[in-house]
Amino acid sequence: MVITHQLAEGVLYVRIPRELDVGNRAAAALEIEALVHAHRPGRVEVRLPSHHPSPMTFGALARVHRMCQSLGVPLATTGPDGEAPPEPVGGALPDRAHQLEHGARRDH
């Protein structure tokens, strides 16, 4: 297995112990998806291997995010120490994101 996991009180805790690469990114995403479908947790929490994950790790996380979103299962991420990852470059995200229609642009 590329990941480790634990299920406690309806929460699926997933740990990605090391950065993913091209060879194991899909396997990690599939393992997490299989666990979510098998256990139907109320929430999924993914512990990332570093505070600045590789693009391959983000790719797997994006796939898991889409799957969780389609099932209505909240997804949270933490850094390797269990703390929330750092804020995105440029500061915190706005309190309320503006919803746009698919393909819509804000500047016209």
N, C-alpha and C. Protein backbone atom coordinates (compact mmCIF):
# COMPACT_ATOMS: atom_id res chain seq x y z
N MET A 1 0.83 -1.19 0.00
CA MET A 1 0.00 0.00 0.00
C MET A 1 0.87 1.25 0.00
N VAL A 2 0.41 2.25 -0.70
CA VAL A 2 1.12 3.51 -0.81
C VAL A 2 0.75 4.44 0.34
N ILE A 3 -0.38 4.16 0.98
CA ILE A 3 -0.89 5.00 2.06
C ILE A 3 -1.10 4.15 3.30
N THR A 4 -1.32 4.81 4.42
CA THR A 4 -1.79 4.12 5.62
C THR A 4 -3.11 4.80 6.01
N HIS A 5 -3.93 4.07 6.75
CA HIS A 5 -5.22 4.65 7.12
C HIS A 5 -5.70 4.12 8.46
N GLN A 6 -6.65 4.85 9.01
CA GLN A 6 -7.31 4.46 10.25
C GLN A 6 -8.71 5.04 10.20
N LEU A 7 -9.68 4.29 10.69
CA LEU A 7 -11.05 4.75 10.75
C LEU A 7 -11.43 4.88 12.21
N ALA A 8 -11.85 6.07 12.62
CA ALA A 8 -12.23 6.30 14.01
C ALA A 8 -13.41 7.26 14.07
N GLU A 9 -14.46 6.85 14.75
CA GLU A 9 -15.64 7.69 14.98
C GLU A 9 -16.17 8.31 13.70
N GLY A 10 -16.23 7.52 12.65
CA GLY A 10 -16.80 7.98 11.39
C GLY A 10 -15.88 8.83 10.53
N VAL A 11 -14.62 8.98 10.94
CA VAL A 11 -13.66 9.77 10.17
C VAL A 11 -12.59 8.83 9.63
N LEU A 12 -12.32 8.93 8.34
CA LEU A 12 -11.25 8.16 7.71
C LEU A 12 -9.99 9.02 7.70
N TYR A 13 -9.00 8.59 8.47
CA TYR A 13 -7.71 9.29 8.53
C TYR A 13 -6.76 8.58 7.58
N VAL A 14 -6.24 9.31 6.61
CA VAL A 14 -5.33 8.76 5.61
C VAL A 14 -4.00 9.48 5.75
N ARG A 15 -2.92 8.72 5.71
CA ARG A 15 -1.59 9.31 5.77
C ARG A 15 -0.83 8.93 4.51
N ILE A 16 -0.27 9.92 3.84
CA ILE A 16 0.61 9.68 2.71
C ILE A 16 2.03 9.84 3.27
N PRO A 17 2.74 8.72 3.52
CA PRO A 17 4.01 8.81 4.24
C PRO A 17 5.16 9.46 3.48
N ARG A 18 5.11 9.42 2.16
CA ARG A 18 6.19 10.05 1.38
C ARG A 18 5.59 10.65 0.11
N GLU A 19 6.33 11.56 -0.49
CA GLU A 19 5.86 12.20 -1.71
C GLU A 19 5.55 11.16 -2.78
N LEU A 20 4.49 11.40 -3.51
CA LEU A 20 4.10 10.50 -4.58
C LEU A 20 4.84 10.86 -5.86
N ASP A 21 4.96 9.88 -6.75
CA ASP A 21 5.57 10.12 -8.05
C ASP A 21 4.66 9.56 -9.12
N VAL A 22 5.12 9.60 -10.35
CA VAL A 22 4.30 9.15 -11.47
C VAL A 22 3.89 7.69 -11.30
N GLY A 23 4.75 6.89 -10.72
CA GLY A 23 4.47 5.47 -10.58
C GLY A 23 3.47 5.10 -9.51
N ASN A 24 3.27 5.95 -8.51
CA ASN A 24 2.36 5.55 -7.43
C ASN A 24 1.24 6.55 -7.15
N ARG A 25 1.16 7.63 -7.91
CA ARG A 25 0.11 8.63 -7.68
C ARG A 25 -1.28 8.04 -7.89
N ALA A 26 -1.48 7.32 -8.98
CA ALA A 26 -2.80 6.74 -9.25
C ALA A 26 -3.15 5.67 -8.23
N ALA A 27 -2.14 4.89 -7.81
CA ALA A 27 -2.39 3.84 -6.82
C ALA A 27 -2.87 4.44 -5.50
N ALA A 28 -2.25 5.54 -5.08
CA ALA A 28 -2.67 6.19 -3.83
C ALA A 28 -4.10 6.69 -3.93
N ALA A 29 -4.44 7.35 -5.03
CA ALA A 29 -5.80 7.85 -5.20
C ALA A 29 -6.81 6.71 -5.23
N LEU A 30 -6.49 5.63 -5.92
CA LEU A 30 -7.40 4.48 -5.98
C LEU A 30 -7.59 3.83 -4.62
N GLU A 31 -6.51 3.73 -3.84
CA GLU A 31 -6.62 3.15 -2.50
C GLU A 31 -7.55 3.99 -1.63
N ILE A 32 -7.40 5.31 -1.68
CA ILE A 32 -8.26 6.18 -0.88
C ILE A 32 -9.70 6.08 -1.35
N GLU A 33 -9.90 6.09 -2.66
CA GLU A 33 -11.26 5.96 -3.19
C GLU A 33 -11.91 4.66 -2.75
N ALA A 34 -11.16 3.56 -2.79
CA ALA A 34 -11.70 2.25 -2.37
C ALA A 34 -12.09 2.28 -0.89
N LEU A 35 -11.26 2.92 -0.06
CA LEU A 35 -11.58 3.02 1.37
C LEU A 35 -12.83 3.84 1.61
N VAL A 36 -12.98 4.93 0.89
CA VAL A 36 -14.16 5.79 1.06
C VAL A 36 -15.42 5.03 0.63
N HIS A 37 -15.35 4.33 -0.49
CA HIS A 37 -16.52 3.57 -0.94
C HIS A 37 -16.84 2.40 -0.01
N ALA A 38 -15.82 1.78 0.56
CA ALA A 38 -16.04 0.64 1.46
C ALA A 38 -16.59 1.05 2.82
N HIS A 39 -16.09 2.15 3.37
CA HIS A 39 -16.44 2.53 4.74
C HIS A 39 -17.46 3.65 4.84
N ARG A 40 -17.67 4.41 3.77
CA ARG A 40 -18.62 5.53 3.76
C ARG A 40 -18.45 6.43 4.99
N PRO A 41 -17.25 7.00 5.18
CA PRO A 41 -17.03 7.84 6.37
C PRO A 41 -17.80 9.15 6.27
N GLY A 42 -17.96 9.81 7.41
CA GLY A 42 -18.61 11.11 7.43
C GLY A 42 -17.65 12.23 7.03
N ARG A 43 -16.35 11.94 7.10
CA ARG A 43 -15.32 12.92 6.75
C ARG A 43 -14.04 12.17 6.43
N VAL A 44 -13.22 12.74 5.57
CA VAL A 44 -11.91 12.19 5.24
C VAL A 44 -10.86 13.24 5.58
N GLU A 45 -9.81 12.82 6.29
CA GLU A 45 -8.71 13.71 6.61
C GLU A 45 -7.42 13.10 6.07
N VAL A 46 -6.74 13.84 5.20
CA VAL A 46 -5.52 13.36 4.58
C VAL A 46 -4.33 14.11 5.16
N ARG A 47 -3.37 13.36 5.70
CA ARG A 47 -2.13 13.95 6.21
C ARG A 47 -1.09 13.89 5.11
N LEU A 48 -0.64 15.05 4.68
CA LEU A 48 0.33 15.15 3.59
C LEU A 48 1.74 14.88 4.10
N PRO A 49 2.66 14.47 3.22
CA PRO A 49 4.02 14.12 3.65
C PRO A 49 4.92 15.32 3.94
N SER A 50 4.53 16.51 3.47
CA SER A 50 5.35 17.70 3.72
C SER A 50 4.45 18.93 3.65
N HIS A 51 5.02 20.04 4.07
CA HIS A 51 4.25 21.29 3.99
C HIS A 51 4.17 21.82 2.57
N HIS A 52 5.02 21.31 1.69
CA HIS A 52 5.03 21.72 0.28
C HIS A 52 5.02 20.47 -0.59
N PRO A 53 3.87 19.82 -0.71
CA PRO A 53 3.78 18.56 -1.45
C PRO A 53 4.15 18.71 -2.92
N SER A 54 4.59 17.60 -3.48
CA SER A 54 4.96 17.56 -4.89
C SER A 54 3.72 17.67 -5.78
N PRO A 55 3.91 18.05 -7.04
CA PRO A 55 2.77 18.10 -7.96
C PRO A 55 2.05 16.75 -8.08
N MET A 56 2.78 15.65 -7.98
CA MET A 56 2.14 14.33 -8.08
C MET A 56 1.26 14.07 -6.86
N THR A 57 1.71 14.49 -5.69
CA THR A 57 0.89 14.34 -4.48
C THR A 57 -0.36 15.20 -4.60
N PHE A 58 -0.22 16.43 -5.10
CA PHE A 58 -1.39 17.28 -5.31
C PHE A 58 -2.34 16.69 -6.34
N GLY A 59 -1.79 16.04 -7.36
CA GLY A 59 -2.63 15.42 -8.38
C GLY A 59 -3.51 14.33 -7.79
N ALA A 60 -2.92 13.50 -6.94
CA ALA A 60 -3.70 12.44 -6.28
C ALA A 60 -4.74 13.06 -5.35
N LEU A 61 -4.35 14.11 -4.62
CA LEU A 61 -5.27 14.77 -3.71
C LEU A 61 -6.43 15.41 -4.48
N ALA A 62 -6.16 15.97 -5.63
CA ALA A 62 -7.23 16.57 -6.45
C ALA A 62 -8.23 15.52 -6.89
N ARG A 63 -7.74 14.36 -7.25
CA ARG A 63 -8.64 13.27 -7.67
C ARG A 63 -9.52 12.82 -6.50
N VAL A 64 -8.91 12.69 -5.32
CA VAL A 64 -9.67 12.31 -4.13
C VAL A 64 -10.68 13.40 -3.77
N HIS A 65 -10.28 14.65 -3.91
CA HIS A 65 -11.18 15.76 -3.62
C HIS A 65 -12.42 15.71 -4.51
N ARG A 66 -12.22 15.49 -5.80
CA ARG A 66 -13.36 15.41 -6.72
C ARG A 66 -14.30 14.27 -6.34
N MET A 67 -13.72 13.13 -5.99
CA MET A 67 -14.54 11.98 -5.61
C MET A 67 -15.32 12.28 -4.33
N CYS A 68 -14.64 12.82 -3.32
CA CYS A 68 -15.32 13.14 -2.06
C CYS A 68 -16.42 14.17 -2.29
N GLN A 69 -16.14 15.17 -3.11
CA GLN A 69 -17.13 16.19 -3.40
C GLN A 69 -18.36 15.58 -4.07
N SER A 70 -18.14 14.65 -4.99
CA SER A 70 -19.28 14.03 -5.68
C SER A 70 -20.12 13.17 -4.73
N LEU A 71 -19.51 12.66 -3.67
CA LEU A 71 -20.23 11.85 -2.69
C LEU A 71 -20.76 12.67 -1.51
N GLY A 72 -20.40 13.94 -1.47
CA GLY A 72 -20.83 14.79 -0.35
C GLY A 72 -20.08 14.52 0.93
N VAL A 73 -18.86 14.02 0.82
CA VAL A 73 -18.03 13.71 1.99
C VAL A 73 -17.00 14.83 2.16
N PRO A 74 -17.01 15.54 3.30
CA PRO A 74 -16.02 16.59 3.50
C PRO A 74 -14.60 16.03 3.51
N LEU A 75 -13.67 16.80 2.96
CA LEU A 75 -12.27 16.41 2.90
C LEU A 75 -11.43 17.50 3.53
N ALA A 76 -10.52 17.11 4.41
CA ALA A 76 -9.60 18.06 5.03
C ALA A 76 -8.18 17.54 4.85
N THR A 77 -7.22 18.46 4.84
CA THR A 77 -5.82 18.06 4.75
C THR A 77 -5.05 18.65 5.91
N THR A 78 -3.99 17.96 6.30
CA THR A 78 -3.07 18.48 7.31
C THR A 78 -1.66 18.27 6.81
N GLY A 79 -0.73 18.97 7.43
CA GLY A 79 0.68 18.79 7.13
C GLY A 79 1.21 17.57 7.86
N PRO A 80 2.51 17.31 7.74
CA PRO A 80 3.09 16.12 8.35
C PRO A 80 3.01 16.09 9.88
N ASP A 81 2.91 17.26 10.48
CA ASP A 81 2.83 17.34 11.93
C ASP A 81 1.40 17.42 12.44
N GLY A 82 0.43 17.24 11.54
CA GLY A 82 -0.97 17.29 11.93
C GLY A 82 -1.54 18.69 11.92
N GLU A 83 -0.70 19.68 11.65
CA GLU A 83 -1.15 21.06 11.58
C GLU A 83 -1.72 21.34 10.20
N ALA A 84 -2.53 22.36 10.10
CA ALA A 84 -3.07 22.76 8.80
C ALA A 84 -1.93 23.21 7.90
N PRO A 85 -2.03 22.93 6.61
CA PRO A 85 -0.99 23.38 5.69
C PRO A 85 -0.91 24.91 5.66
N PRO A 86 0.23 25.45 5.23
CA PRO A 86 0.35 26.91 5.18
C PRO A 86 -0.65 27.53 4.22
N GLU A 87 -0.92 28.81 4.42
CA GLU A 87 -1.86 29.52 3.55
C GLU A 87 -1.28 29.60 2.14
N PRO A 88 -2.14 29.72 1.15
CA PRO A 88 -1.65 29.85 -0.22
C PRO A 88 -0.81 31.10 -0.38
N VAL A 89 0.05 31.09 -1.39
CA VAL A 89 0.87 32.26 -1.69
C VAL A 89 -0.06 33.44 -1.93
N GLY A 90 0.26 34.57 -1.34
CA GLY A 90 -0.58 35.75 -1.52
C GLY A 90 -1.57 35.95 -0.39
N GLY A 91 -1.53 35.10 0.62
CA GLY A 91 -2.41 35.28 1.77
C GLY A 91 -3.59 34.34 1.77
N ALA A 92 -4.45 34.56 2.72
CA ALA A 92 -5.60 33.68 2.91
C ALA A 92 -6.62 33.87 1.79
N LEU A 93 -7.38 32.85 1.58
CA LEU A 93 -8.46 32.92 0.60
C LEU A 93 -9.59 33.78 1.17
N PRO A 94 -10.40 34.39 0.32
CA PRO A 94 -11.51 35.19 0.83
C PRO A 94 -12.48 34.33 1.63
N ASP A 95 -13.19 34.97 2.57
CA ASP A 95 -14.15 34.26 3.40
C ASP A 95 -15.22 33.57 2.56
N ARG A 96 -15.65 34.21 1.52
CA ARG A 96 -16.72 33.65 0.71
C ARG A 96 -16.31 33.72 -0.75
N ALA A 97 -16.08 32.58 -1.34
CA ALA A 97 -15.71 32.54 -2.75
C ALA A 97 -16.93 32.87 -3.59
N HIS A 98 -16.71 33.50 -4.70
CA HIS A 98 -17.80 33.82 -5.62
C HIS A 98 -18.04 32.62 -6.53
N GLN A 99 -19.26 32.14 -6.54
CA GLN A 99 -19.60 31.01 -7.39
C GLN A 99 -19.78 31.49 -8.82
N LEU A 100 -19.14 30.83 -9.75
CA LEU A 100 -19.27 31.15 -11.16
C LEU A 100 -19.87 29.96 -11.88
N GLU A 101 -20.62 30.25 -12.91
CA GLU A 101 -21.12 29.15 -13.72
C GLU A 101 -19.95 28.51 -14.44
N HIS A 102 -20.11 27.26 -14.80
CA HIS A 102 -19.06 26.54 -15.49
C HIS A 102 -18.62 27.31 -16.74
N GLY A 103 -17.35 27.61 -16.83
CA GLY A 103 -16.83 28.31 -17.98
C GLY A 103 -17.04 29.82 -17.95
N ALA A 104 -17.72 30.32 -16.93
CA ALA A 104 -18.00 31.76 -16.86
C ALA A 104 -16.76 32.53 -16.46
N ARG A 105 -16.65 33.73 -16.98
CA ARG A 105 -15.55 34.61 -16.61
C ARG A 105 -16.13 35.82 -15.92
N ARG A 106 -15.40 36.34 -14.99
CA ARG A 106 -15.87 37.44 -14.18
C ARG A 106 -15.65 38.80 -14.84
N ASP A 107 -14.77 38.88 -15.82
CA ASP A 107 -14.35 40.18 -16.34
C ASP A 107 -15.10 40.64 -17.58
N HIS A 108 -16.29 40.13 -17.84
CA HIS A 108 -17.04 40.69 -18.96
C HIS A 108 -18.48 40.89 -18.63
